[in-house]
C-alpha atoms as a PDB file:
ATOM      1  CA  MET A   1      87.156  81.545 115.139  1.00  0.00           C
ATOM      2  CA  THR A   2      89.783  80.668 117.759  1.00  0.00           C
ATOM      3  CA  SER A   3      90.291  77.201 116.249  1.00  0.00           C
ATOM      4  CA  GLY A   4      90.435  78.748 112.795  1.00  0.00           C
ATOM      5  CA  VAL A   5      93.173  81.180 113.859  1.00  0.00           C
ATOM      6  CA  GLY A   6      95.082  78.278 115.380  1.00  0.00           C
ATOM      7  CA  ALA A   7      94.820  76.284 112.148  1.00  0.00           C
ATOM      8  CA  LEU A   8      95.958  79.326 110.162  1.00  0.00           C
ATOM      9  CA  TRP A   9      98.947  79.796 112.472  1.00  0.00           C
ATOM     10  CA  SER A  10      99.949  76.155 112.068  1.00  0.00           C
ATOM     11  CA  HIS A  11      99.994  76.683 108.296  1.00  0.00           C
ATOM     12  CA  ARG A  12     101.918  79.972 108.396  1.00  0.00           C
ATOM     13  CA  ASN A  13     104.671  78.468 106.248  1.00  0.00           C
ATOM     14  CA  SER A  14     102.117  77.766 103.518  1.00  0.00           C
ATOM     15  CA  LEU A  15     100.998  81.391 103.753  1.00  0.00           C
ATOM     16  CA  ARG A  16     104.602  82.576 103.431  1.00  0.00           C
ATOM     17  CA  ILE A  17     105.177  80.366 100.382  1.00  0.00           C
ATOM     18  CA  LEU A  18     101.997  81.620  98.706  1.00  0.00           C
ATOM     19  CA  VAL A  19     102.994  85.233  99.289  1.00  0.00           C
ATOM     20  CA  ARG A  20     106.472  84.678  97.844  1.00  0.00           C
ATOM     21  CA  ARG A  21     104.977  82.862  94.859  1.00  0.00           C
ATOM     22  CA  ASP A  22     102.489  85.655  94.155  1.00  0.00           C
ATOM     23  CA  LEU A  23     105.222  88.281  94.287  1.00  0.00           C
ATOM     24  CA  ALA A  24     107.502  86.234  92.042  1.00  0.00           C
ATOM     25  CA  VAL A  25     104.744  85.617  89.471  1.00  0.00           C
ATOM     26  CA  LYS A  26     103.650  89.243  89.503  1.00  0.00           C
ATOM     27  CA  TYR A  27     107.086  90.570  88.562  1.00  0.00           C
ATOM     28  CA  GLN A  28     108.731  87.617  86.808  1.00  0.00           C
ATOM     29  CA  GLN A  29     108.545  89.088  83.268  1.00  0.00           C
ATOM     30  CA  SER A  30     109.172  92.668  84.314  1.00  0.00           C
ATOM     31  CA  VAL A  31     112.531  94.347  83.736  1.00  0.00           C
ATOM     32  CA  LEU A  32     112.155  96.696  86.701  1.00  0.00           C
ATOM     33  CA  GLY A  33     110.609  94.020  88.929  1.00  0.00           C
ATOM     34  CA  TYR A  34     109.765  95.166  92.446  1.00  0.00           C
ATOM     35  CA  LEU A  35     110.591  98.769  91.530  1.00  0.00           C
ATOM     36  CA  TRP A  36     107.120  98.990  89.979  1.00  0.00           C
ATOM     37  CA  SER A  37     105.665  98.847  93.494  1.00  0.00           C
ATOM     38  CA  LEU A  38     107.471 102.168  94.089  1.00  0.00           C
ATOM     39  CA  ILE A  39     107.216 103.775  90.640  1.00  0.00           C
ATOM     40  CA  GLU A  40     103.410 103.649  90.485  1.00  0.00           C
ATOM     41  CA  PRO A  41     102.682 105.434  93.806  1.00  0.00           C
ATOM     42  CA  LEU A  42     105.503 107.928  93.217  1.00  0.00           C
ATOM     43  CA  GLY A  43     104.105 108.663  89.770  1.00  0.00           C
ATOM     44  CA  MET A  44     100.616 109.169  91.173  1.00  0.00           C
ATOM     45  CA  GLY A  45     102.058 111.443  93.858  1.00  0.00           C
ATOM     46  CA  ALA A  46     103.839 113.561  91.248  1.00  0.00           C
ATOM     47  CA  ILE A  47     100.624 114.004  89.254  1.00  0.00           C
ATOM     48  CA  TYR A  48      98.510 115.023  92.244  1.00  0.00           C
ATOM     49  CA  TRP A  49     101.282 117.306  93.525  1.00  0.00           C
ATOM     50  CA  PHE A  50     101.339 119.121  90.159  1.00  0.00           C
ATOM     51  CA  VAL A  51      97.547 119.521  90.132  1.00  0.00           C
ATOM     52  CA  PHE A  52      96.914 120.435  93.777  1.00  0.00           C
ATOM     53  CA  GLY A  53     100.361 121.556  94.929  1.00  0.00           C
ATOM     54  CA  VAL A  54     101.185 123.732  91.926  1.00  0.00           C
ATOM     55  CA  LEU A  55      98.065 124.640  89.931  1.00  0.00           C
ATOM     56  CA  TYR A  56      95.757 124.963  92.962  1.00  0.00           C
ATOM     57  CA  SER A  57      98.395 125.583  95.615  1.00  0.00           C
ATOM     58  CA  ARG A  58      96.597 128.617  97.117  1.00  0.00           C
ATOM     59  CA  ASP A  59      93.412 126.702  97.894  1.00  0.00           C
ATOM     60  CA  THR A  60      95.289 123.560  98.899  1.00  0.00           C
ATOM     61  CA  ASN A  61      97.672 125.203 101.390  1.00  0.00           C
ATOM     62  CA  ARG A  62      94.796 127.009 103.089  1.00  0.00           C
ATOM     63  CA  HIS A  63      93.480 123.704 104.462  1.00  0.00           C
ATOM     64  CA  LEU A  64      96.682 121.727 104.982  1.00  0.00           C
ATOM     65  CA  GLY A  65      97.764 123.191 108.326  1.00  0.00           C
ATOM     66  CA  GLU A  66     101.125 121.734 109.361  1.00  0.00           C
ATOM     67  CA  ALA A  67     101.429 119.950 106.012  1.00  0.00           C
ATOM     68  CA  ALA A  68     101.349 123.173 103.966  1.00  0.00           C
ATOM     69  CA  GLY A  69     105.127 123.240 103.634  1.00  0.00           C
ATOM     70  CA  SER A  70     105.534 119.528 102.878  1.00  0.00           C
ATOM     71  CA  TYR A  71     102.580 118.577 100.702  1.00  0.00           C
ATOM     72  CA  PRO A  72     104.544 115.949  98.708  1.00  0.00           C
ATOM     73  CA  LEU A  73     105.186 114.030 101.951  1.00  0.00           C
ATOM     74  CA  PHE A  74     101.472 114.292 102.820  1.00  0.00           C
ATOM     75  CA  LEU A  75     100.591 112.909  99.383  1.00  0.00           C
ATOM     76  CA  ILE A  76     103.099 110.048  99.318  1.00  0.00           C
ATOM     77  CA  THR A  77     102.147 108.956 102.832  1.00  0.00           C
ATOM     78  CA  GLY A  78      98.517 108.585 101.813  1.00  0.00           C
ATOM     79  CA  ILE A  79      99.160 107.114  98.362  1.00  0.00           C
ATOM     80  CA  PHE A  80     101.528 104.419  99.637  1.00  0.00           C
ATOM     81  CA  ALA A  81      98.898 103.303 102.160  1.00  0.00           C
ATOM     82  CA  TRP A  82      96.192 103.536  99.496  1.00  0.00           C
ATOM     83  CA  MET A  83      98.089 101.282  97.078  1.00  0.00           C
ATOM     84  CA  TRP A  84      98.123  98.618  99.774  1.00  0.00           C
ATOM     85  CA  THR A  85      94.376  99.042 100.285  1.00  0.00           C
ATOM     86  CA  SER A  86      93.271  99.115  96.657  1.00  0.00           C
ATOM     87  CA  SER A  87      95.580  96.304  95.489  1.00  0.00           C
ATOM     88  CA  ALA A  88      94.678  94.072  98.426  1.00  0.00           C
ATOM     89  CA  LEU A  89      90.919  94.507  97.946  1.00  0.00           C
ATOM     90  CA  SER A  90      91.120  94.081  94.181  1.00  0.00           C
ATOM     91  CA  GLU A  91      93.294  90.958  94.264  1.00  0.00           C
ATOM     92  CA  ALA A  92      91.605  89.392  97.283  1.00  0.00           C
ATOM     93  CA  THR A  93      88.238  89.603  95.522  1.00  0.00           C
ATOM     94  CA  HIS A  94      89.355  86.981  92.967  1.00  0.00           C
ATOM     95  CA  ALA A  95      91.780  85.149  95.284  1.00  0.00           C
ATOM     96  CA  LEU A  96      89.561  82.046  95.286  1.00  0.00           C
ATOM     97  CA  THR A  97      88.265  82.093  91.725  1.00  0.00           C
ATOM     98  CA  GLY A  98      91.771  82.557  90.365  1.00  0.00           C
ATOM     99  CA  GLN A  99      93.295  79.683  92.359  1.00  0.00           C
ATOM    100  CA  SER A 100      90.561  77.050  92.275  1.00  0.00           C
ATOM    101  CA  ARG A 101      92.918  74.166  91.471  1.00  0.00           C
ATOM    102  CA  LEU A 102      95.208  74.945  94.430  1.00  0.00           C
ATOM    103  CA  ILE A 103      92.268  75.441  96.764  1.00  0.00           C
ATOM    104  CA  THR A 104      90.695  72.072  95.964  1.00  0.00           C
ATOM    105  CA  THR A 105      93.979  70.157  96.195  1.00  0.00           C
ATOM    106  CA  MET A 106      95.980  71.755  99.027  1.00  0.00           C
ATOM    107  CA  ASN A 107      95.180  70.702 102.573  1.00  0.00           C
ATOM    108  CA  VAL A 108      95.365  74.165 104.152  1.00  0.00           C
ATOM    109  CA  PRO A 109      92.770  76.527 105.636  1.00  0.00           C
ATOM    110  CA  ARG A 110      91.143  78.320 102.714  1.00  0.00           C
ATOM    111  CA  GLN A 111      91.496  81.647 104.510  1.00  0.00           C
ATOM    112  CA  VAL A 112      95.179  81.453 103.574  1.00  0.00           C
ATOM    113  CA  PHE A 113      94.436  82.505  99.985  1.00  0.00           C
ATOM    114  CA  PRO A 114      92.680  85.865 100.506  1.00  0.00           C
ATOM    115  CA  ILE A 115      94.861  86.676 103.515  1.00  0.00           C
ATOM    116  CA  GLY A 116      97.910  85.914 101.384  1.00  0.00           C
ATOM    117  CA  ARG A 117      96.895  88.638  98.948  1.00  0.00           C
ATOM    118  CA  VAL A 118      96.667  91.163 101.795  1.00  0.00           C
ATOM    119  CA  ALA A 119     100.068  90.071 103.122  1.00  0.00           C
ATOM    120  CA  GLY A 120     101.638  90.247  99.670  1.00  0.00           C
ATOM    121  CA  ARG A 121     100.474  93.791  99.088  1.00  0.00           C
ATOM    122  CA  PHE A 122     101.705  94.737 102.573  1.00  0.00           C
ATOM    123  CA  ALA A 123     105.168  93.530 101.515  1.00  0.00           C
ATOM    124  CA  GLU A 124     105.027  96.042  98.657  1.00  0.00           C
ATOM    125  CA  TYR A 125     103.926  98.767 101.051  1.00  0.00           C
ATOM    126  CA  ALA A 126     106.790  97.921 103.417  1.00  0.00           C
ATOM    127  CA  ALA A 127     109.224  98.150 100.486  1.00  0.00           C
ATOM    128  CA  GLY A 128     108.208 101.784 100.069  1.00  0.00           C
ATOM    129  CA  LEU A 129     108.751 102.778 103.705  1.00  0.00           C
ATOM    130  CA  PRO A 130     112.464 103.577 103.195  1.00  0.00           C
ATOM    131  CA  ILE A 131     111.496 105.997 100.390  1.00  0.00           C
ATOM    132  CA  LEU A 132     108.898 107.569 102.668  1.00  0.00           C
ATOM    133  CA  ALA A 133     111.434 107.845 105.486  1.00  0.00           C
ATOM    134  CA  ALA A 134     113.982 109.473 103.160  1.00  0.00           C
ATOM    135  CA  ILE A 135     111.468 112.127 102.089  1.00  0.00           C
ATOM    136  CA  ALA A 136     110.541 112.741 105.743  1.00  0.00           C
ATOM    137  CA  ILE A 137     114.209 113.103 106.737  1.00  0.00           C
ATOM    138  CA  TRP A 138     114.703 115.676 103.996  1.00  0.00           C
ATOM    139  CA  TYR A 139     111.783 117.751 105.219  1.00  0.00           C
ATOM    140  CA  ALA A 140     112.854 117.314 108.857  1.00  0.00           C
ATOM    141  CA  ALA A 141     116.335 118.585 108.009  1.00  0.00           C
ATOM    142  CA  ASP A 142     114.657 121.633 106.478  1.00  0.00           C
ATOM    143  CA  ASP A 143     112.569 122.129 109.686  1.00  0.00           C
ATOM    144  CA  ARG A 144     109.279 121.667 107.836  1.00  0.00           C
ATOM    145  CA  ILE A 145     108.235 118.723 110.009  1.00  0.00           C
ATOM    146  CA  GLU A 146     109.211 117.677 113.543  1.00  0.00           C
ATOM    147  CA  PRO A 147     108.887 113.888 113.935  1.00  0.00           C
ATOM    148  CA  GLY A 148     108.539 112.712 117.524  1.00  0.00           C
ATOM    149  CA  TRP A 149     106.180 110.503 119.471  1.00  0.00           C
ATOM    150  CA  SER A 150     103.773 110.756 116.575  1.00  0.00           C
ATOM    151  CA  LEU A 151     105.882 108.106 114.799  1.00  0.00           C
ATOM    152  CA  LEU A 152     104.134 105.551 117.018  1.00  0.00           C
ATOM    153  CA  ALA A 153     100.972 106.180 114.988  1.00  0.00           C
ATOM    154  CA  LEU A 154     102.489 104.149 112.113  1.00  0.00           C
ATOM    155  CA  PRO A 155     102.346 100.672 113.714  1.00  0.00           C
ATOM    156  CA  LEU A 156      98.846 101.441 114.990  1.00  0.00           C
ATOM    157  CA  ALA A 157      97.736 102.514 111.501  1.00  0.00           C
ATOM    158  CA  VAL A 158      99.226  99.367 109.934  1.00  0.00           C
ATOM    159  CA  LEU A 159      97.619  97.089 112.525  1.00  0.00           C
ATOM    160  CA  VAL A 160      94.136  98.606 112.138  1.00  0.00           C
ATOM    161  CA  GLN A 161      94.423  98.675 108.347  1.00  0.00           C
ATOM    162  CA  ALA A 162      95.495  95.023 108.242  1.00  0.00           C
ATOM    163  CA  THR A 163      92.547  94.093 110.456  1.00  0.00           C
ATOM    164  CA  LEU A 164      90.112  95.884 108.148  1.00  0.00           C
ATOM    165  CA  LEU A 165      91.628  94.510 104.939  1.00  0.00           C
ATOM    166  CA  ILE A 166      91.668  90.896 106.141  1.00  0.00           C
ATOM    167  CA  GLY A 167      88.018  91.092 107.139  1.00  0.00           C
ATOM    168  CA  LEU A 168      87.022  92.614 103.800  1.00  0.00           C
ATOM    169  CA  ALA A 169      89.216  90.171 101.867  1.00  0.00           C
ATOM    170  CA  LEU A 170      87.476  87.186 103.465  1.00  0.00           C
ATOM    171  CA  LEU A 171      84.052  88.631 102.745  1.00  0.00           C
ATOM    172  CA  LEU A 172      84.745  89.650  99.146  1.00  0.00           C
ATOM    173  CA  SER A 173      86.612  86.492  98.128  1.00  0.00           C
ATOM    174  CA  ALA A 174      83.785  84.220  99.303  1.00  0.00           C
ATOM    175  CA  PHE A 175      80.969  86.319  97.856  1.00  0.00           C
ATOM    176  CA  ASN A 176      82.739  86.658  94.495  1.00  0.00           C
ATOM    177  CA  VAL A 177      82.696  82.902  93.996  1.00  0.00           C
ATOM    178  CA  LEU A 178      78.920  82.827  94.390  1.00  0.00           C
ATOM    179  CA  MET A 179      78.220  86.168  92.666  1.00  0.00           C
ATOM    180  CA  ARG A 180      80.783  87.148  90.036  1.00  0.00           C
ATOM    181  CA  ASP A 181      79.327  90.660  89.892  1.00  0.00           C
ATOM    182  CA  VAL A 182      81.203  91.437  93.104  1.00  0.00           C
ATOM    183  CA  GLU A 183      84.502  91.724  91.248  1.00  0.00           C
ATOM    184  CA  ARG A 184      83.100  94.220  88.748  1.00  0.00           C
ATOM    185  CA  PHE A 185      81.286  96.145  91.476  1.00  0.00           C
ATOM    186  CA  MET A 186      84.514  96.495  93.489  1.00  0.00           C
ATOM    187  CA  ARG A 187      86.214  98.346  90.644  1.00  0.00           C
ATOM    188  CA  LEU A 188      83.709 101.155  91.047  1.00  0.00           C
ATOM    189  CA  ILE A 189      83.795 101.046  94.853  1.00  0.00           C
ATOM    190  CA  ILE A 190      87.584 101.323  94.935  1.00  0.00           C
ATOM    191  CA  ARG A 191      87.482 104.405  92.732  1.00  0.00           C
ATOM    192  CA  VAL A 192      84.845 105.992  94.932  1.00  0.00           C
ATOM    193  CA  LEU A 193      86.770 105.180  98.110  1.00  0.00           C
ATOM    194  CA  PHE A 194      89.889 106.909  96.802  1.00  0.00           C
ATOM    195  CA  TYR A 195      88.104 110.265  96.672  1.00  0.00           C
ATOM    196  CA  ALA A 196      85.931 109.536  99.735  1.00  0.00           C
ATOM    197  CA  THR A 197      89.019 109.164 101.925  1.00  0.00           C
ATOM    198  CA  PRO A 198      91.448 111.944 102.996  1.00  0.00           C
ATOM    199  CA  ILE A 199      94.388 110.777 100.890  1.00  0.00           C
ATOM    200  CA  ILE A 200      95.175 113.719  98.623  1.00  0.00           C
ATOM    201  CA  TYR A 201      93.318 116.281 100.736  1.00  0.00           C
ATOM    202  CA  PRO A 202      93.064 116.887 104.504  1.00  0.00           C
ATOM    203  CA  LEU A 203      90.040 115.946 106.579  1.00  0.00           C
ATOM    204  CA  SER A 204      89.584 119.597 107.576  1.00  0.00           C
ATOM    205  CA  LEU A 205      88.557 120.357 103.981  1.00  0.00           C
ATOM    206  CA  VAL A 206      85.503 118.124 104.412  1.00  0.00           C
ATOM    207  CA  ARG A 207      84.713 119.402 107.896  1.00  0.00           C
ATOM    208  CA  ASP A 208      84.850 123.030 106.770  1.00  0.00           C
ATOM    209  CA  SER A 209      82.802 122.415 103.622  1.00  0.00           C
ATOM    210  CA  GLY A 210      79.142 123.212 103.169  1.00  0.00           C
ATOM    211  CA  LEU A 211      78.090 119.550 103.086  1.00  0.00           C
ATOM    212  CA  PRO A 212      75.064 118.563 105.204  1.00  0.00           C
ATOM    213  CA  GLY A 213      75.844 117.383 108.717  1.00  0.00           C
ATOM    214  CA  TRP A 214      74.471 113.891 108.098  1.00  0.00           C
ATOM    215  CA  LEU A 215      76.763 113.485 105.084  1.00  0.00           C
ATOM    216  CA  LYS A 216      79.819 114.584 107.070  1.00  0.00           C
ATOM    217  CA  LEU A 217      78.874 112.079 109.789  1.00  0.00           C
ATOM    218  CA  GLY A 218      78.531 109.296 107.235  1.00  0.00           C
ATOM    219  CA  TYR A 219      81.855 110.275 105.720  1.00  0.00           C
ATOM    220  CA  GLU A 220      83.669 109.966 109.055  1.00  0.00           C
ATOM    221  CA  LEU A 221      82.079 106.570 109.732  1.00  0.00           C
ATOM    222  CA  ASN A 222      84.193 105.227 106.886  1.00  0.00           C
ATOM    223  CA  PRO A 223      86.952 103.339 108.775  1.00  0.00           C
ATOM    224  CA  LEU A 224      89.472 104.248 106.078  1.00  0.00           C
ATOM    225  CA  VAL A 225      89.128 107.894 107.114  1.00  0.00           C
ATOM    226  CA  GLY A 226      90.446 107.167 110.596  1.00  0.00           C
ATOM    227  CA  ILE A 227      93.139 104.857 109.236  1.00  0.00           C
ATOM    228  CA  PHE A 228      94.503 107.441 106.819  1.00  0.00           C
ATOM    229  CA  GLN A 229      94.349 110.094 109.491  1.00  0.00           C
ATOM    230  CA  LEU A 230      96.657 107.834 111.520  1.00  0.00           C
ATOM    231  CA  HIS A 231      99.027 107.520 108.568  1.00  0.00           C
ATOM    232  CA  HIS A 232      99.161 111.301 108.142  1.00  0.00           C
ATOM    233  CA  ALA A 233      99.504 111.785 111.896  1.00  0.00           C
ATOM    234  CA  VAL A 234     102.895 110.033 111.765  1.00  0.00           C
ATOM    235  CA  TRP A 235     104.358 113.297 110.420  1.00  0.00           C
ATOM    236  CA  TYR A 236     101.605 115.776 111.340  1.00  0.00           C
ATOM    237  CA  PRO A 237     100.321 115.325 114.932  1.00  0.00           C
ATOM    238  CA  ASP A 238      97.404 117.707 114.291  1.00  0.00           C
ATOM    239  CA  GLU A 239      95.964 115.099 111.897  1.00  0.00           C
ATOM    240  CA  PHE A 240      95.647 112.487 114.655  1.00  0.00           C
ATOM    241  CA  PRO A 241      92.002 111.318 114.808  1.00  0.00           C
ATOM    242  CA  GLY A 242      90.023 112.182 117.884  1.00  0.00           C
ATOM    243  CA  ALA A 243      89.084 109.581 120.469  1.00  0.00           C
ATOM    244  CA  ARG A 244      85.619 109.070 118.967  1.00  0.00           C
ATOM    245  CA  MET A 245      86.883 108.613 115.419  1.00  0.00           C
ATOM    246  CA  LEU A 246      89.671 106.300 116.562  1.00  0.00           C
ATOM    247  CA  ALA A 247      87.273 104.164 118.594  1.00  0.00           C
ATOM    248  CA  THR A 248      84.853 104.033 115.665  1.00  0.00           C
ATOM    249  CA  THR A 249      87.615 103.036 113.243  1.00  0.00           C
ATOM    250  CA  VAL A 250      88.970 100.287 115.477  1.00  0.00           C
ATOM    251  CA  GLY A 251      85.494  99.017 116.342  1.00  0.00           C
ATOM    252  CA  ILE A 252      84.290  98.814 112.729  1.00  0.00           C
ATOM    253  CA  SER A 253      87.550  97.167 111.628  1.00  0.00           C
ATOM    254  CA  LEU A 254      87.266  94.479 114.313  1.00  0.00           C
ATOM    255  CA  LEU A 255      83.584  93.974 113.518  1.00  0.00           C
ATOM    256  CA  LEU A 256      84.368  93.461 109.821  1.00  0.00           C
ATOM    257  CA  LEU A 257      87.148  91.018 110.693  1.00  0.00           C
ATOM    258  CA  VAL A 258      84.780  88.886 112.810  1.00  0.00           C
ATOM    259  CA  ALA A 259      81.993  89.158 110.217  1.00  0.00           C
ATOM    260  CA  GLY A 260      84.365  88.251 107.398  1.00  0.00           C
ATOM    261  CA  TRP A 261      85.744  85.236 109.217  1.00  0.00           C
ATOM    262  CA  TRP A 262      82.260  84.004 110.196  1.00  0.00           C
ATOM    263  CA  ALA A 263      80.840  84.513 106.689  1.00  0.00           C
ATOM    264  CA  PHE A 264      83.815  82.777 105.093  1.00  0.00           C
ATOM    265  CA  ARG A 265      83.378  79.711 107.308  1.00  0.00           C
ATOM    266  CA  ARG A 266      79.631  79.576 106.708  1.00  0.00           C
ATOM    267  CA  LEU A 267      80.007  79.934 102.932  1.00  0.00           C
ATOM    268  CA  GLU A 268      83.014  77.620 102.582  1.00  0.00           C
ATOM    269  CA  PRO A 269      80.988  74.466 101.661  1.00  0.00           C
ATOM    270  CA  ALA A 270      79.062  76.345  98.965  1.00  0.00           C
ATOM    271  CA  VAL A 271      82.296  77.988  97.744  1.00  0.00           C
ATOM    272  CA  LEU A 272      84.084  74.645  97.403  1.00  0.00           C
ATOM    273  CA  LYS A 273      81.110  73.171  95.568  1.00  0.00           C
ATOM    274  CA  GLU A 274      81.081  76.081  93.137  1.00  0.00           C
ATOM    275  CA  LEU A 275      84.853  75.865  92.540  1.00  0.00           C
END
C-alpha cells in the first residue's frame, strides 16, 4: 500500500487533469454550469425545510436542540455533505467501466480513476462552502448560533469523509467491473443511507425513539452517522459525536480504506482482463 500511495502521488498531475476533465465534461452543455452543484442541494434543502420546518415544525423543533432556531442551516450543512457522498459513490461505482479505453491505454495507477471521482465531487462540495458560510454568518449576526472552536470540526469531518469515500470507491469500482449488479444495487443503498443518516433530522430523534437497543447500536455503527454529526457540530457543538462514536467512525473509515486498496490491487488483473 505504501508503494501504491507513492505511485499515486507521483501521478498527482494526472489525477488533477482527470478531475478537471470530468468537471468540464459534466457541465459543458449546461447554461448554468457549475451553479447546478449549488442549485440542487439548495433546492433539496428548501423542500425539506418546507416539510419539516414548516408543516411539522412543532415535532421537528422539539428534537433539534441548539438548531431549533436555525433549521435551514442544519439542513444545508447536511445536504451539502450528502451530495458529495452520494455523487462520489454513484460515479465511482462506474469509474472503471465508463473509462475502459483510458484505463487500458494510460500508464497511470488505476486507483486514479475512482479517486478522481471522489476528488471531483469534493470540488463541488467546496464550491458550496461560501454559500454555507454566508448562511451561518446571517444566523450568527442574529445570535441564533455562536461559532467558535467548533469550526475545527469541519476539516476533521472532511478528512474522515474523504477517507471513507476513497475506500468505498476503490471497492465498488473494482467489484462493478466483475459484477455489474453492483451499480444497480448501489442506487437502492444510496437511497437507504440518506434516511439512515442524521442529515435532515438530529441524532437525538433516533436515540429517543422506541427502536430496539440493538437497532440503535447498529444505526450508530454506520460511519456516516459520526461524519455527519461532525458536519453539524461545526455550528452546533452539542451535536459533536462522543469519544466512542468518533473512534468507531475513524476506525471503520480507515479499515475500509485499507480493505478497498487491498481489494483493488488483488482484483486489478481480473479487472483489466474484463475491460
